[in-house]
Amino acid sequence: MYFNRQAITQYPFRGTFFTVITTKPDDGDLLGGDSLETSEETVLLETECDIQKAAKMFSNGTIMADYKVFFPCEVGAELPIRFNSNFRCLDYAIPIQGRVVGLEYSQLGGCMVDIKMSEV
């Protein structure tokens, strides 16, 4: 068996970390009458990444999955990503859209983020 290691890329996907700010209507009508609430998305970081599924769970009609996202970063760099930030990647086999629940740095020049995704 022959493996072509040059054909494999280390970070084959494109991921986006972002936050969503929702503003409520000024008149206090939360039921959607004349005024609507608006959402503003702020991109924190777009990066090449590698994604691995860590766990999955089925409970009461809810499907939950945990993913580990690896991406390059400089040693000691301060990242704009915080806990509860959103993450999405449409390049992966199943489109991932979840929340950041863990963040770890590596002294080798990389970063790993734990993502929790739930589908109902």
N, C-alpha and C. Protein backbone atom coordinates (compact mmCIF):
# COMPACT_ATOMS: atom_id res chain seq x y z
N MET A 1 0.84 -1.17 0.00
CA MET A 1 0.00 0.00 0.00
C MET A 1 0.89 1.23 0.00
N TYR A 2 0.50 2.23 -0.80
CA TYR A 2 1.29 3.44 -0.95
C TYR A 2 0.48 4.64 -0.47
N PHE A 3 1.07 5.46 0.38
CA PHE A 3 0.43 6.69 0.87
C PHE A 3 1.14 7.89 0.28
N ASN A 4 0.39 8.79 -0.31
CA ASN A 4 0.96 10.03 -0.80
C ASN A 4 0.71 11.10 0.26
N ARG A 5 1.71 11.34 1.10
CA ARG A 5 1.54 12.29 2.20
C ARG A 5 1.51 13.73 1.72
N GLN A 6 1.93 14.00 0.50
CA GLN A 6 1.87 15.36 -0.04
C GLN A 6 0.44 15.74 -0.43
N ALA A 7 -0.44 14.75 -0.62
CA ALA A 7 -1.81 15.03 -1.04
C ALA A 7 -2.71 15.44 0.14
N ILE A 8 -2.25 15.24 1.36
CA ILE A 8 -3.04 15.56 2.55
C ILE A 8 -2.70 16.97 3.01
N THR A 9 -3.73 17.79 3.23
CA THR A 9 -3.49 19.12 3.79
C THR A 9 -3.81 19.09 5.26
N GLN A 10 -3.06 19.85 6.04
CA GLN A 10 -3.21 19.82 7.48
C GLN A 10 -4.51 20.50 7.93
N TYR A 11 -4.90 21.58 7.27
CA TYR A 11 -6.11 22.31 7.62
C TYR A 11 -7.01 22.42 6.39
N PRO A 12 -7.84 21.41 6.14
CA PRO A 12 -8.61 21.37 4.89
C PRO A 12 -9.92 22.15 4.88
N PHE A 13 -10.36 22.69 6.05
CA PHE A 13 -11.66 23.35 6.12
C PHE A 13 -11.51 24.84 6.42
N ARG A 14 -12.57 25.58 6.19
CA ARG A 14 -12.63 27.02 6.46
C ARG A 14 -13.69 27.25 7.53
N GLY A 15 -13.29 27.74 8.70
CA GLY A 15 -14.21 27.95 9.81
C GLY A 15 -14.33 29.42 10.17
N THR A 16 -15.47 29.79 10.75
CA THR A 16 -15.72 31.17 11.14
C THR A 16 -16.21 31.19 12.58
N PHE A 17 -15.55 31.98 13.41
CA PHE A 17 -15.99 32.25 14.77
C PHE A 17 -16.68 33.62 14.75
N PHE A 18 -17.86 33.71 15.36
CA PHE A 18 -18.61 34.96 15.30
C PHE A 18 -19.51 35.11 16.52
N THR A 19 -20.03 36.32 16.72
CA THR A 19 -21.03 36.59 17.74
C THR A 19 -22.25 37.19 17.06
N VAL A 20 -23.41 37.01 17.68
CA VAL A 20 -24.65 37.56 17.16
C VAL A 20 -25.26 38.45 18.24
N ILE A 21 -25.53 39.70 17.89
CA ILE A 21 -26.17 40.63 18.81
C ILE A 21 -27.58 40.89 18.29
N THR A 22 -28.56 40.61 19.12
CA THR A 22 -29.96 40.80 18.74
C THR A 22 -30.51 42.01 19.47
N THR A 23 -31.07 42.94 18.73
CA THR A 23 -31.68 44.12 19.33
C THR A 23 -33.19 43.95 19.32
N LYS A 24 -33.80 44.25 20.44
CA LYS A 24 -35.24 44.14 20.58
C LYS A 24 -35.90 45.40 20.02
N PRO A 25 -37.16 45.32 19.64
CA PRO A 25 -37.87 46.51 19.13
C PRO A 25 -37.97 47.60 20.20
N ASP A 26 -37.92 48.86 19.75
CA ASP A 26 -37.98 49.99 20.67
C ASP A 26 -39.34 50.11 21.35
N ASP A 27 -40.40 49.66 20.67
CA ASP A 27 -41.74 49.82 21.26
C ASP A 27 -42.09 48.70 22.22
N GLY A 28 -41.19 47.73 22.43
CA GLY A 28 -41.43 46.65 23.38
C GLY A 28 -42.31 45.53 22.87
N ASP A 29 -42.69 45.57 21.60
CA ASP A 29 -43.55 44.54 21.02
C ASP A 29 -42.69 43.34 20.63
N LEU A 30 -42.68 42.31 21.48
CA LEU A 30 -41.85 41.14 21.22
C LEU A 30 -42.57 40.09 20.38
N LEU A 31 -43.84 40.33 20.06
CA LEU A 31 -44.60 39.36 19.29
C LEU A 31 -44.50 39.59 17.78
N GLY A 32 -43.77 40.62 17.36
CA GLY A 32 -43.54 40.83 15.93
C GLY A 32 -44.64 41.58 15.24
N GLY A 33 -45.16 42.61 15.86
CA GLY A 33 -46.21 43.41 15.25
C GLY A 33 -45.65 44.26 14.12
N ASP A 34 -45.62 45.56 14.31
CA ASP A 34 -45.13 46.48 13.28
C ASP A 34 -43.61 46.52 13.23
N SER A 35 -42.96 46.30 14.35
CA SER A 35 -41.50 46.38 14.37
C SER A 35 -40.93 44.98 14.59
N LEU A 36 -39.77 44.75 14.04
CA LEU A 36 -39.11 43.45 14.13
C LEU A 36 -37.79 43.59 14.86
N GLU A 37 -37.38 42.50 15.54
CA GLU A 37 -36.06 42.52 16.14
C GLU A 37 -35.03 42.29 15.05
N THR A 38 -33.85 42.86 15.23
CA THR A 38 -32.80 42.72 14.22
C THR A 38 -31.60 42.03 14.85
N SER A 39 -30.88 41.29 14.04
CA SER A 39 -29.68 40.59 14.49
C SER A 39 -28.49 41.09 13.69
N GLU A 40 -27.40 41.31 14.40
CA GLU A 40 -26.17 41.76 13.77
C GLU A 40 -25.07 40.76 14.09
N GLU A 41 -24.44 40.25 13.05
CA GLU A 41 -23.40 39.24 13.20
C GLU A 41 -22.03 39.91 13.09
N THR A 42 -21.15 39.64 14.07
CA THR A 42 -19.80 40.18 14.07
C THR A 42 -18.81 39.03 13.95
N VAL A 43 -18.02 39.02 12.90
CA VAL A 43 -17.03 37.96 12.68
C VAL A 43 -15.82 38.24 13.56
N LEU A 44 -15.47 37.26 14.40
CA LEU A 44 -14.30 37.39 15.27
C LEU A 44 -13.03 36.87 14.62
N LEU A 45 -13.15 35.72 13.93
CA LEU A 45 -11.98 35.10 13.32
C LEU A 45 -12.43 34.15 12.22
N GLU A 46 -11.82 34.27 11.05
CA GLU A 46 -11.99 33.30 9.97
C GLU A 46 -10.65 32.63 9.78
N THR A 47 -10.64 31.31 9.78
CA THR A 47 -9.37 30.60 9.73
C THR A 47 -9.50 29.26 9.04
N GLU A 48 -8.39 28.75 8.55
CA GLU A 48 -8.33 27.37 8.08
C GLU A 48 -8.29 26.49 9.32
N CYS A 49 -8.98 25.36 9.27
CA CYS A 49 -9.04 24.52 10.46
C CYS A 49 -9.20 23.05 10.07
N ASP A 50 -8.98 22.20 11.04
CA ASP A 50 -9.26 20.78 10.91
C ASP A 50 -10.27 20.44 11.98
N ILE A 51 -11.23 19.58 11.66
CA ILE A 51 -12.34 19.29 12.57
C ILE A 51 -12.41 17.78 12.79
N GLN A 52 -12.57 17.39 14.06
CA GLN A 52 -12.74 15.99 14.42
C GLN A 52 -13.94 15.86 15.35
N LYS A 53 -14.78 14.86 15.10
CA LYS A 53 -15.91 14.62 16.00
C LYS A 53 -15.38 13.99 17.28
N ALA A 54 -15.80 14.52 18.43
CA ALA A 54 -15.34 14.01 19.71
C ALA A 54 -16.37 13.11 20.37
N ALA A 55 -17.66 13.45 20.27
CA ALA A 55 -18.71 12.66 20.92
C ALA A 55 -20.05 12.99 20.31
N LYS A 56 -21.04 12.11 20.53
CA LYS A 56 -22.41 12.38 20.12
C LYS A 56 -23.35 11.77 21.14
N MET A 57 -24.56 12.37 21.22
CA MET A 57 -25.52 11.90 22.21
C MET A 57 -26.93 12.14 21.70
N PHE A 58 -27.82 11.20 21.97
CA PHE A 58 -29.23 11.31 21.63
C PHE A 58 -30.02 11.30 22.93
N SER A 59 -30.87 12.32 23.14
CA SER A 59 -31.64 12.38 24.37
C SER A 59 -32.94 13.14 24.14
N ASN A 60 -34.07 12.49 24.35
CA ASN A 60 -35.40 13.12 24.26
C ASN A 60 -35.61 13.88 22.95
N GLY A 61 -35.22 13.31 21.85
CA GLY A 61 -35.42 13.95 20.56
C GLY A 61 -34.37 14.98 20.20
N THR A 62 -33.41 15.19 21.06
CA THR A 62 -32.33 16.14 20.79
C THR A 62 -31.07 15.38 20.41
N ILE A 63 -30.45 15.80 19.34
CA ILE A 63 -29.19 15.21 18.90
C ILE A 63 -28.10 16.21 19.23
N MET A 64 -27.12 15.80 20.02
CA MET A 64 -26.02 16.68 20.38
C MET A 64 -24.71 16.06 19.93
N ALA A 65 -23.79 16.89 19.49
CA ALA A 65 -22.48 16.41 19.06
C ALA A 65 -21.41 17.38 19.52
N ASP A 66 -20.27 16.84 19.89
CA ASP A 66 -19.11 17.64 20.27
C ASP A 66 -18.05 17.48 19.19
N TYR A 67 -17.41 18.59 18.86
CA TYR A 67 -16.35 18.58 17.86
C TYR A 67 -15.12 19.27 18.43
N LYS A 68 -13.96 18.86 17.96
CA LYS A 68 -12.71 19.52 18.28
C LYS A 68 -12.23 20.20 17.00
N VAL A 69 -11.97 21.49 17.08
CA VAL A 69 -11.52 22.28 15.95
C VAL A 69 -10.08 22.70 16.21
N PHE A 70 -9.19 22.34 15.30
CA PHE A 70 -7.77 22.68 15.41
C PHE A 70 -7.44 23.72 14.35
N PHE A 71 -6.69 24.76 14.72
CA PHE A 71 -6.27 25.75 13.74
C PHE A 71 -4.93 26.36 14.17
N PRO A 72 -4.18 26.90 13.23
CA PRO A 72 -2.87 27.46 13.57
C PRO A 72 -3.01 28.82 14.24
N CYS A 73 -2.12 29.09 15.17
CA CYS A 73 -2.01 30.43 15.76
C CYS A 73 -0.59 30.59 16.28
N GLU A 74 -0.18 31.81 16.41
CA GLU A 74 1.16 32.10 16.91
C GLU A 74 1.24 31.78 18.40
N VAL A 75 2.40 31.34 18.86
CA VAL A 75 2.60 31.06 20.28
C VAL A 75 2.47 32.37 21.05
N GLY A 76 1.59 32.38 22.03
CA GLY A 76 1.38 33.57 22.86
C GLY A 76 0.43 34.59 22.26
N ALA A 77 -0.15 34.30 21.10
CA ALA A 77 -1.08 35.25 20.47
C ALA A 77 -2.38 35.31 21.26
N GLU A 78 -2.96 36.50 21.33
CA GLU A 78 -4.24 36.67 22.00
C GLU A 78 -5.35 36.55 20.97
N LEU A 79 -6.25 35.60 21.17
CA LEU A 79 -7.33 35.35 20.22
C LEU A 79 -8.60 36.08 20.64
N PRO A 80 -9.41 36.52 19.66
CA PRO A 80 -10.66 37.20 20.00
C PRO A 80 -11.79 36.24 20.38
N ILE A 81 -11.53 34.95 20.36
CA ILE A 81 -12.55 33.95 20.65
C ILE A 81 -12.75 33.86 22.16
N ARG A 82 -13.99 33.82 22.59
CA ARG A 82 -14.34 33.66 24.00
C ARG A 82 -15.32 32.51 24.15
N PHE A 83 -15.53 32.07 25.37
CA PHE A 83 -16.54 31.05 25.63
C PHE A 83 -17.90 31.57 25.19
N ASN A 84 -18.71 30.70 24.66
CA ASN A 84 -20.06 30.98 24.18
C ASN A 84 -20.08 31.75 22.86
N SER A 85 -18.92 31.91 22.20
CA SER A 85 -18.90 32.45 20.85
C SER A 85 -19.48 31.39 19.92
N ASN A 86 -19.94 31.79 18.78
CA ASN A 86 -20.49 30.86 17.80
C ASN A 86 -19.42 30.42 16.81
N PHE A 87 -19.60 29.23 16.25
CA PHE A 87 -18.70 28.71 15.23
C PHE A 87 -19.52 28.07 14.12
N ARG A 88 -19.07 28.23 12.89
CA ARG A 88 -19.73 27.53 11.78
C ARG A 88 -18.68 27.15 10.74
N CYS A 89 -18.94 26.00 10.11
CA CYS A 89 -18.12 25.53 9.01
C CYS A 89 -19.04 24.80 8.06
N LEU A 90 -19.12 25.27 6.84
CA LEU A 90 -19.99 24.67 5.85
C LEU A 90 -19.23 23.68 4.97
N ASP A 91 -17.90 23.63 5.09
CA ASP A 91 -17.07 22.73 4.27
C ASP A 91 -17.07 21.31 4.79
N TYR A 92 -17.38 21.10 6.04
CA TYR A 92 -17.30 19.79 6.67
C TYR A 92 -18.41 18.91 6.09
N ALA A 93 -18.31 17.60 6.27
CA ALA A 93 -19.30 16.67 5.71
C ALA A 93 -20.72 17.03 6.14
N ILE A 94 -20.90 17.35 7.40
CA ILE A 94 -22.17 17.85 7.92
C ILE A 94 -21.91 19.29 8.35
N PRO A 95 -22.68 20.25 7.84
CA PRO A 95 -22.43 21.64 8.25
C PRO A 95 -22.51 21.78 9.77
N ILE A 96 -21.50 22.40 10.34
CA ILE A 96 -21.42 22.54 11.79
C ILE A 96 -21.75 23.98 12.16
N GLN A 97 -22.64 24.14 13.12
CA GLN A 97 -22.91 25.45 13.70
C GLN A 97 -23.15 25.20 15.18
N GLY A 98 -22.22 25.66 16.00
CA GLY A 98 -22.30 25.39 17.43
C GLY A 98 -21.67 26.50 18.24
N ARG A 99 -21.49 26.22 19.52
CA ARG A 99 -20.95 27.19 20.47
C ARG A 99 -19.62 26.72 21.03
N VAL A 100 -18.76 27.67 21.35
CA VAL A 100 -17.45 27.38 21.94
C VAL A 100 -17.65 27.06 23.42
N VAL A 101 -17.21 25.87 23.83
CA VAL A 101 -17.30 25.48 25.23
C VAL A 101 -15.92 25.21 25.84
N GLY A 102 -14.87 25.28 25.05
CA GLY A 102 -13.52 25.06 25.56
C GLY A 102 -12.50 25.64 24.60
N LEU A 103 -11.37 26.08 25.14
CA LEU A 103 -10.32 26.70 24.35
C LEU A 103 -8.98 26.34 24.96
N GLU A 104 -8.09 25.77 24.16
CA GLU A 104 -6.77 25.36 24.65
C GLU A 104 -5.70 25.79 23.66
N TYR A 105 -4.60 26.30 24.19
CA TYR A 105 -3.45 26.66 23.37
C TYR A 105 -2.43 25.54 23.39
N SER A 106 -1.59 25.51 22.37
CA SER A 106 -0.48 24.57 22.32
C SER A 106 0.81 25.37 22.18
N GLN A 107 1.86 24.91 22.82
CA GLN A 107 3.15 25.57 22.69
C GLN A 107 3.80 25.27 21.35
N LEU A 108 3.17 24.42 20.53
CA LEU A 108 3.70 24.07 19.22
C LEU A 108 3.15 24.97 18.12
N GLY A 109 2.38 25.99 18.48
CA GLY A 109 1.88 26.92 17.47
C GLY A 109 0.51 26.59 16.96
N GLY A 110 -0.36 26.09 17.79
CA GLY A 110 -1.71 25.76 17.37
C GLY A 110 -2.70 26.03 18.48
N CYS A 111 -3.96 25.85 18.16
CA CYS A 111 -5.02 26.07 19.13
C CYS A 111 -6.10 25.02 18.90
N MET A 112 -6.75 24.58 19.98
CA MET A 112 -7.85 23.64 19.88
C MET A 112 -9.06 24.22 20.58
N VAL A 113 -10.21 24.19 19.90
CA VAL A 113 -11.45 24.73 20.46
C VAL A 113 -12.48 23.60 20.49
N ASP A 114 -13.15 23.46 21.62
CA ASP A 114 -14.25 22.49 21.74
C ASP A 114 -15.55 23.16 21.35
N ILE A 115 -16.30 22.51 20.46
CA ILE A 115 -17.57 23.04 19.95
C ILE A 115 -18.69 22.10 20.37
N LYS A 116 -19.77 22.65 20.88
CA LYS A 116 -20.97 21.88 21.22
C LYS A 116 -22.05 22.27 20.22
N MET A 117 -22.60 21.27 19.53
CA MET A 117 -23.63 21.50 18.52
C MET A 117 -24.85 20.70 18.90
N SER A 118 -26.04 21.29 18.80
CA SER A 118 -27.26 20.56 19.09
C SER A 118 -28.27 20.78 17.97
N GLU A 119 -29.00 19.73 17.66
CA GLU A 119 -30.07 19.76 16.65
C GLU A 119 -31.31 19.22 17.33
N VAL A 120 -32.45 19.83 17.10
CA VAL A 120 -33.70 19.34 17.68
C VAL A 120 -34.56 18.79 16.58
